[in-house]
Amino acid sequence: MIAMSGHYLYSDTSGILERKEAASSFWYLLTFRTHVLFGLAAITVGPLQFIKRIRISNTKLHRGIGYLYIVSVILSSLSGIVIAQFAMGGLISSVGFSVLAIAWFYTTVQSIRAIQNRNFRDHEKWSYFSYALTFAAITQRTLLLIPLLTSVPFIPIYQLSAWLPWLLNLMIAHSLFKSAPSMKNQKIIQNIHL
């Protein structure tokens, strides 16, 4: 993911940026790079939150990583809402990416509210959903390999990639959450505070 997205941080004409008029604007590039940089941070630190050993025996580390993840998601999702308005593929893509960014922000805020209310099971559920939406960036790029490796036109797949990856990821997250054992020993994790 770093290799696929890192070039956007130093080149104004890389990948999809070369096809966009908006990319000539300083504010668009700043917003786009904010989205990419903090999205990469969320993708990187997010899985650490699901490591049971860290979550239970090192609550300070879990909380610290959680803060980094939350800040990253908030900055990346809010900037994502802005750049979604300039997505290739017209209204289909713009609406799909906008809904994704709003859902990403919402699920993360719900996760925060749940832990503030010491509702550990809801915190876990919303964390699954939040990271599923974070991971949509990887699922989307996997889907975009189809037009890159075949003769299938790019724009229809790009429009599909504004919707399918995050919907699919949410279904998988829901299934994983339902099959995950509940955090039965609440006393072990009662030291988790925001």
C-alpha atoms as a PDB file:
ATOM      1  CA  MET A   1       0.000   0.000   0.000  1.00  0.00           C
ATOM      2  CA  ILE A   2       2.882   2.349   0.803  1.00  0.00           C
ATOM      3  CA  ALA A   3       4.459   1.592  -2.584  1.00  0.00           C
ATOM      4  CA  MET A   4       1.131   2.073  -4.377  1.00  0.00           C
ATOM      5  CA  SER A   5       0.262   5.361  -2.659  1.00  0.00           C
ATOM      6  CA  GLY A   6       3.558   6.818  -1.482  1.00  0.00           C
ATOM      7  CA  HIS A   7       4.309   8.467  -4.818  1.00  0.00           C
ATOM      8  CA  TYR A   8       1.290  10.755  -4.350  1.00  0.00           C
ATOM      9  CA  LEU A   9       3.106  12.451  -1.478  1.00  0.00           C
ATOM     10  CA  TYR A  10       5.896  13.857  -3.665  1.00  0.00           C
ATOM     11  CA  SER A  11       4.574  13.999  -7.239  1.00  0.00           C
ATOM     12  CA  ASP A  12       1.810  16.297  -8.489  1.00  0.00           C
ATOM     13  CA  THR A  13       1.246  14.253 -11.654  1.00  0.00           C
ATOM     14  CA  SER A  14       1.364  10.681 -10.357  1.00  0.00           C
ATOM     15  CA  GLY A  15      -1.325   8.122 -11.159  1.00  0.00           C
ATOM     16  CA  ILE A  16      -4.842   9.545 -11.078  1.00  0.00           C
ATOM     17  CA  LEU A  17      -3.519  13.048 -10.331  1.00  0.00           C
ATOM     18  CA  GLU A  18      -2.346  13.443 -13.930  1.00  0.00           C
ATOM     19  CA  ARG A  19      -5.962  13.040 -15.120  1.00  0.00           C
ATOM     20  CA  LYS A  20      -7.475  15.658 -12.800  1.00  0.00           C
ATOM     21  CA  GLU A  21      -7.769  19.374 -13.370  1.00  0.00           C
ATOM     22  CA  ALA A  22      -8.223  19.890  -9.635  1.00  0.00           C
ATOM     23  CA  ALA A  23      -4.709  18.485  -9.072  1.00  0.00           C
ATOM     24  CA  SER A  24      -3.258  21.816 -10.208  1.00  0.00           C
ATOM     25  CA  SER A  25      -4.755  23.445  -7.101  1.00  0.00           C
ATOM     26  CA  PHE A  26      -2.592  23.716  -3.977  1.00  0.00           C
ATOM     27  CA  TRP A  27      -5.649  23.125  -1.738  1.00  0.00           C
ATOM     28  CA  TYR A  28      -6.724  20.007  -3.591  1.00  0.00           C
ATOM     29  CA  LEU A  29      -3.211  18.551  -3.400  1.00  0.00           C
ATOM     30  CA  LEU A  30      -2.968  19.376   0.302  1.00  0.00           C
ATOM     31  CA  THR A  31      -6.349  17.723   0.972  1.00  0.00           C
ATOM     32  CA  PHE A  32      -5.482  14.730  -1.225  1.00  0.00           C
ATOM     33  CA  ARG A  33      -2.118  14.224   0.480  1.00  0.00           C
ATOM     34  CA  THR A  34      -3.711  14.566   3.921  1.00  0.00           C
ATOM     35  CA  HIS A  35      -6.119  11.793   2.919  1.00  0.00           C
ATOM     36  CA  VAL A  36      -3.319   9.551   1.636  1.00  0.00           C
ATOM     37  CA  LEU A  37      -0.846  10.137   4.484  1.00  0.00           C
ATOM     38  CA  PHE A  38      -3.296   9.665   7.338  1.00  0.00           C
ATOM     39  CA  GLY A  39      -5.062   6.832   5.511  1.00  0.00           C
ATOM     40  CA  LEU A  40      -1.726   4.989   5.310  1.00  0.00           C
ATOM     41  CA  ALA A  41      -1.182   5.618   9.035  1.00  0.00           C
ATOM     42  CA  ALA A  42      -4.636   4.176   9.867  1.00  0.00           C
ATOM     43  CA  ILE A  43      -4.049   1.121   7.650  1.00  0.00           C
ATOM     44  CA  THR A  44      -0.681   0.518   9.330  1.00  0.00           C
ATOM     45  CA  VAL A  45      -1.604   0.885  13.017  1.00  0.00           C
ATOM     46  CA  GLY A  46      -5.161  -0.461  12.839  1.00  0.00           C
ATOM     47  CA  PRO A  47      -4.286  -4.178  12.953  1.00  0.00           C
ATOM     48  CA  LEU A  48      -2.268  -3.651  16.149  1.00  0.00           C
ATOM     49  CA  GLN A  49      -5.534  -2.832  17.932  1.00  0.00           C
ATOM     50  CA  PHE A  50      -6.783  -6.371  17.341  1.00  0.00           C
ATOM     51  CA  ILE A  51      -3.764  -8.111  18.896  1.00  0.00           C
ATOM     52  CA  LYS A  52      -5.164  -9.604  22.084  1.00  0.00           C
ATOM     53  CA  ARG A  53      -1.863  -9.524  23.982  1.00  0.00           C
ATOM     54  CA  ILE A  54      -1.503  -5.754  23.445  1.00  0.00           C
ATOM     55  CA  ARG A  55      -5.161  -5.055  24.101  1.00  0.00           C
ATOM     56  CA  ILE A  56      -5.244  -6.904  27.413  1.00  0.00           C
ATOM     57  CA  SER A  57      -1.765  -6.752  28.926  1.00  0.00           C
ATOM     58  CA  ASN A  58      -0.602  -3.357  27.653  1.00  0.00           C
ATOM     59  CA  THR A  59      -3.620  -1.076  27.818  1.00  0.00           C
ATOM     60  CA  LYS A  60      -1.489   2.097  27.631  1.00  0.00           C
ATOM     61  CA  LEU A  61      -0.044   0.982  24.307  1.00  0.00           C
ATOM     62  CA  HIS A  62      -3.510  -0.027  23.084  1.00  0.00           C
ATOM     63  CA  ARG A  63      -4.845   3.391  24.069  1.00  0.00           C
ATOM     64  CA  GLY A  64      -1.890   5.224  22.471  1.00  0.00           C
ATOM     65  CA  ILE A  65      -2.271   3.344  19.192  1.00  0.00           C
ATOM     66  CA  GLY A  66      -6.015   3.988  19.407  1.00  0.00           C
ATOM     67  CA  TYR A  67      -5.441   7.742  19.629  1.00  0.00           C
ATOM     68  CA  LEU A  68      -3.151   7.618  16.583  1.00  0.00           C
ATOM     69  CA  TYR A  69      -5.698   5.541  14.668  1.00  0.00           C
ATOM     70  CA  ILE A  70      -8.598   7.858  15.594  1.00  0.00           C
ATOM     71  CA  VAL A  71      -6.750  11.044  14.609  1.00  0.00           C
ATOM     72  CA  SER A  72      -5.636   9.415  11.357  1.00  0.00           C
ATOM     73  CA  VAL A  73      -9.157   8.264  10.473  1.00  0.00           C
ATOM     74  CA  ILE A  74     -10.743  11.611  11.318  1.00  0.00           C
ATOM     75  CA  LEU A  75      -8.263  13.569   9.177  1.00  0.00           C
ATOM     76  CA  SER A  76      -8.336  11.060   6.327  1.00  0.00           C
ATOM     77  CA  SER A  77     -12.117  10.658   6.273  1.00  0.00           C
ATOM     78  CA  LEU A  78     -12.837  14.401   6.381  1.00  0.00           C
ATOM     79  CA  SER A  79     -10.339  15.068   3.598  1.00  0.00           C
ATOM     80  CA  GLY A  80     -11.816  12.058   1.774  1.00  0.00           C
ATOM     81  CA  ILE A  81     -15.238  13.706   1.743  1.00  0.00           C
ATOM     82  CA  VAL A  82     -13.699  16.741   0.027  1.00  0.00           C
ATOM     83  CA  ILE A  83     -11.701  14.866  -2.612  1.00  0.00           C
ATOM     84  CA  ALA A  84     -14.625  12.528  -3.341  1.00  0.00           C
ATOM     85  CA  GLN A  85     -16.331  15.455  -5.035  1.00  0.00           C
ATOM     86  CA  PHE A  86     -13.592  15.365  -7.697  1.00  0.00           C
ATOM     87  CA  ALA A  87     -13.574  11.585  -8.245  1.00  0.00           C
ATOM     88  CA  MET A  88     -13.302  10.199 -11.756  1.00  0.00           C
ATOM     89  CA  GLY A  89     -16.403   8.413 -12.967  1.00  0.00           C
ATOM     90  CA  GLY A  90     -18.825  11.203 -12.128  1.00  0.00           C
ATOM     91  CA  LEU A  91     -21.691  11.038  -9.662  1.00  0.00           C
ATOM     92  CA  ILE A  92     -21.537   7.265  -9.120  1.00  0.00           C
ATOM     93  CA  SER A  93     -17.942   7.463  -7.900  1.00  0.00           C
ATOM     94  CA  SER A  94     -18.396  10.723  -5.971  1.00  0.00           C
ATOM     95  CA  VAL A  95     -21.407   9.446  -4.034  1.00  0.00           C
ATOM     96  CA  GLY A  96     -19.761   6.070  -3.332  1.00  0.00           C
ATOM     97  CA  PHE A  97     -16.563   7.606  -1.986  1.00  0.00           C
ATOM     98  CA  SER A  98     -18.518  10.246  -0.027  1.00  0.00           C
ATOM     99  CA  VAL A  99     -20.680   7.610   1.668  1.00  0.00           C
ATOM    100  CA  LEU A 100     -17.540   5.585   2.435  1.00  0.00           C
ATOM    101  CA  ALA A 101     -15.817   8.595   4.039  1.00  0.00           C
ATOM    102  CA  ILE A 102     -18.898   9.468   6.114  1.00  0.00           C
ATOM    103  CA  ALA A 103     -19.368   5.836   7.226  1.00  0.00           C
ATOM    104  CA  TRP A 104     -15.657   5.621   8.104  1.00  0.00           C
ATOM    105  CA  PHE A 105     -15.918   8.725  10.276  1.00  0.00           C
ATOM    106  CA  TYR A 106     -19.202   7.531  11.844  1.00  0.00           C
ATOM    107  CA  THR A 107     -18.029   4.018  12.747  1.00  0.00           C
ATOM    108  CA  THR A 108     -14.869   5.407  14.323  1.00  0.00           C
ATOM    109  CA  VAL A 109     -16.805   7.955  16.395  1.00  0.00           C
ATOM    110  CA  GLN A 110     -19.202   5.191  17.500  1.00  0.00           C
ATOM    111  CA  SER A 111     -16.219   3.121  18.614  1.00  0.00           C
ATOM    112  CA  ILE A 112     -14.960   6.064  20.698  1.00  0.00           C
ATOM    113  CA  ARG A 113     -18.388   6.645  22.251  1.00  0.00           C
ATOM    114  CA  ALA A 114     -18.725   2.965  23.116  1.00  0.00           C
ATOM    115  CA  ILE A 115     -15.423   2.842  25.003  1.00  0.00           C
ATOM    116  CA  GLN A 116     -16.205   6.115  26.773  1.00  0.00           C
ATOM    117  CA  ASN A 117     -19.405   4.428  27.991  1.00  0.00           C
ATOM    118  CA  ARG A 118     -17.339   1.331  28.892  1.00  0.00           C
ATOM    119  CA  ASN A 119     -19.396  -0.760  26.510  1.00  0.00           C
ATOM    120  CA  PHE A 120     -16.581  -3.084  25.435  1.00  0.00           C
ATOM    121  CA  ARG A 121     -18.606  -5.296  23.112  1.00  0.00           C
ATOM    122  CA  ASP A 122     -19.953  -2.310  21.155  1.00  0.00           C
ATOM    123  CA  HIS A 123     -16.450  -0.814  21.072  1.00  0.00           C
ATOM    124  CA  GLU A 124     -15.199  -4.049  19.574  1.00  0.00           C
ATOM    125  CA  LYS A 125     -18.033  -4.146  17.025  1.00  0.00           C
ATOM    126  CA  TRP A 126     -17.537  -0.559  15.851  1.00  0.00           C
ATOM    127  CA  SER A 127     -13.765  -1.090  15.740  1.00  0.00           C
ATOM    128  CA  TYR A 128     -14.289  -4.041  13.387  1.00  0.00           C
ATOM    129  CA  PHE A 129     -16.475  -1.885  11.138  1.00  0.00           C
ATOM    130  CA  SER A 130     -14.098   1.085  11.270  1.00  0.00           C
ATOM    131  CA  TYR A 131     -11.097  -0.995  10.236  1.00  0.00           C
ATOM    132  CA  ALA A 132     -13.130  -2.750   7.546  1.00  0.00           C
ATOM    133  CA  LEU A 133     -13.684   0.679   6.007  1.00  0.00           C
ATOM    134  CA  THR A 134     -10.010   1.569   6.473  1.00  0.00           C
ATOM    135  CA  PHE A 135      -9.060  -1.647   4.678  1.00  0.00           C
ATOM    136  CA  ALA A 136     -11.339  -0.728   1.757  1.00  0.00           C
ATOM    137  CA  ALA A 137      -8.374   1.171   0.315  1.00  0.00           C
ATOM    138  CA  ILE A 138      -6.529  -2.124  -0.153  1.00  0.00           C
ATOM    139  CA  THR A 139      -9.596  -3.969  -1.434  1.00  0.00           C
ATOM    140  CA  GLN A 140     -10.231  -1.152  -3.905  1.00  0.00           C
ATOM    141  CA  ARG A 141      -6.690  -1.242  -5.287  1.00  0.00           C
ATOM    142  CA  THR A 142      -6.958  -5.004  -5.676  1.00  0.00           C
ATOM    143  CA  LEU A 143     -10.143  -4.528  -7.712  1.00  0.00           C
ATOM    144  CA  LEU A 144      -8.405  -1.879  -9.845  1.00  0.00           C
ATOM    145  CA  LEU A 145      -5.865  -4.485 -10.951  1.00  0.00           C
ATOM    146  CA  ILE A 146      -8.571  -5.844 -13.279  1.00  0.00           C
ATOM    147  CA  PRO A 147      -8.398  -2.978 -15.801  1.00  0.00           C
ATOM    148  CA  LEU A 148      -4.633  -2.683 -15.346  1.00  0.00           C
ATOM    149  CA  LEU A 149      -4.027  -6.338 -16.194  1.00  0.00           C
ATOM    150  CA  THR A 150      -6.816  -6.894 -18.732  1.00  0.00           C
ATOM    151  CA  SER A 151      -8.570  -5.022 -21.505  1.00  0.00           C
ATOM    152  CA  VAL A 152     -11.579  -4.209 -19.300  1.00  0.00           C
ATOM    153  CA  PRO A 153     -12.270  -0.429 -19.421  1.00  0.00           C
ATOM    154  CA  PHE A 154     -11.003   1.493 -16.384  1.00  0.00           C
ATOM    155  CA  ILE A 155     -13.912   3.857 -15.560  1.00  0.00           C
ATOM    156  CA  PRO A 156     -16.663   1.208 -15.031  1.00  0.00           C
ATOM    157  CA  ILE A 157     -14.363  -0.727 -12.676  1.00  0.00           C
ATOM    158  CA  TYR A 158     -13.393   2.507 -10.922  1.00  0.00           C
ATOM    159  CA  GLN A 159     -17.082   3.325 -10.397  1.00  0.00           C
ATOM    160  CA  LEU A 160     -17.634  -0.179  -9.030  1.00  0.00           C
ATOM    161  CA  SER A 161     -14.595   0.281  -6.775  1.00  0.00           C
ATOM    162  CA  ALA A 162     -16.269   3.279  -5.129  1.00  0.00           C
ATOM    163  CA  TRP A 163     -18.902   0.920  -3.686  1.00  0.00           C
ATOM    164  CA  LEU A 164     -18.046  -2.785  -3.764  1.00  0.00           C
ATOM    165  CA  PRO A 165     -14.857  -2.870  -1.624  1.00  0.00           C
ATOM    166  CA  TRP A 166     -16.286  -1.185   1.447  1.00  0.00           C
ATOM    167  CA  LEU A 167     -19.643  -2.972   1.253  1.00  0.00           C
ATOM    168  CA  LEU A 168     -17.851  -6.316   0.932  1.00  0.00           C
ATOM    169  CA  ASN A 169     -15.482  -5.439   3.791  1.00  0.00           C
ATOM    170  CA  LEU A 170     -18.395  -4.494   6.068  1.00  0.00           C
ATOM    171  CA  MET A 171     -20.051  -7.856   5.392  1.00  0.00           C
ATOM    172  CA  ILE A 172     -16.794  -9.659   6.205  1.00  0.00           C
ATOM    173  CA  ALA A 173     -16.298  -7.575   9.366  1.00  0.00           C
ATOM    174  CA  HIS A 174     -19.844  -8.347  10.490  1.00  0.00           C
ATOM    175  CA  SER A 175     -19.223 -12.056   9.981  1.00  0.00           C
ATOM    176  CA  LEU A 176     -15.878 -11.929  11.822  1.00  0.00           C
ATOM    177  CA  PHE A 177     -17.393  -9.992  14.703  1.00  0.00           C
ATOM    178  CA  LYS A 178     -20.276 -12.454  15.056  1.00  0.00           C
ATOM    179  CA  SER A 179     -17.875 -15.399  15.128  1.00  0.00           C
ATOM    180  CA  ALA A 180     -15.362 -13.738  17.506  1.00  0.00           C
ATOM    181  CA  PRO A 181     -15.549 -14.750  21.150  1.00  0.00           C
ATOM    182  CA  SER A 182     -17.020 -12.061  23.362  1.00  0.00           C
ATOM    183  CA  MET A 183     -14.685 -10.256  25.737  1.00  0.00           C
ATOM    184  CA  LYS A 184     -15.906 -12.284  28.700  1.00  0.00           C
ATOM    185  CA  ASN A 185     -13.374 -11.250  31.311  1.00  0.00           C
ATOM    186  CA  GLN A 186     -14.232  -7.557  31.568  1.00  0.00           C
ATOM    187  CA  LYS A 187     -12.082  -7.122  34.708  1.00  0.00           C
ATOM    188  CA  ILE A 188      -8.916  -7.607  32.681  1.00  0.00           C
ATOM    189  CA  ILE A 189      -9.682  -4.622  30.486  1.00  0.00           C
ATOM    190  CA  GLN A 190     -11.284  -2.274  32.959  1.00  0.00           C
ATOM    191  CA  ASN A 191      -8.178  -0.075  32.932  1.00  0.00           C
ATOM    192  CA  ILE A 192      -8.935   1.088  29.389  1.00  0.00           C
ATOM    193  CA  HIS A 193      -9.919   4.754  29.504  1.00  0.00           C
ATOM    194  CA  LEU A 194      -9.996   7.488  26.868  1.00  0.00           C
END
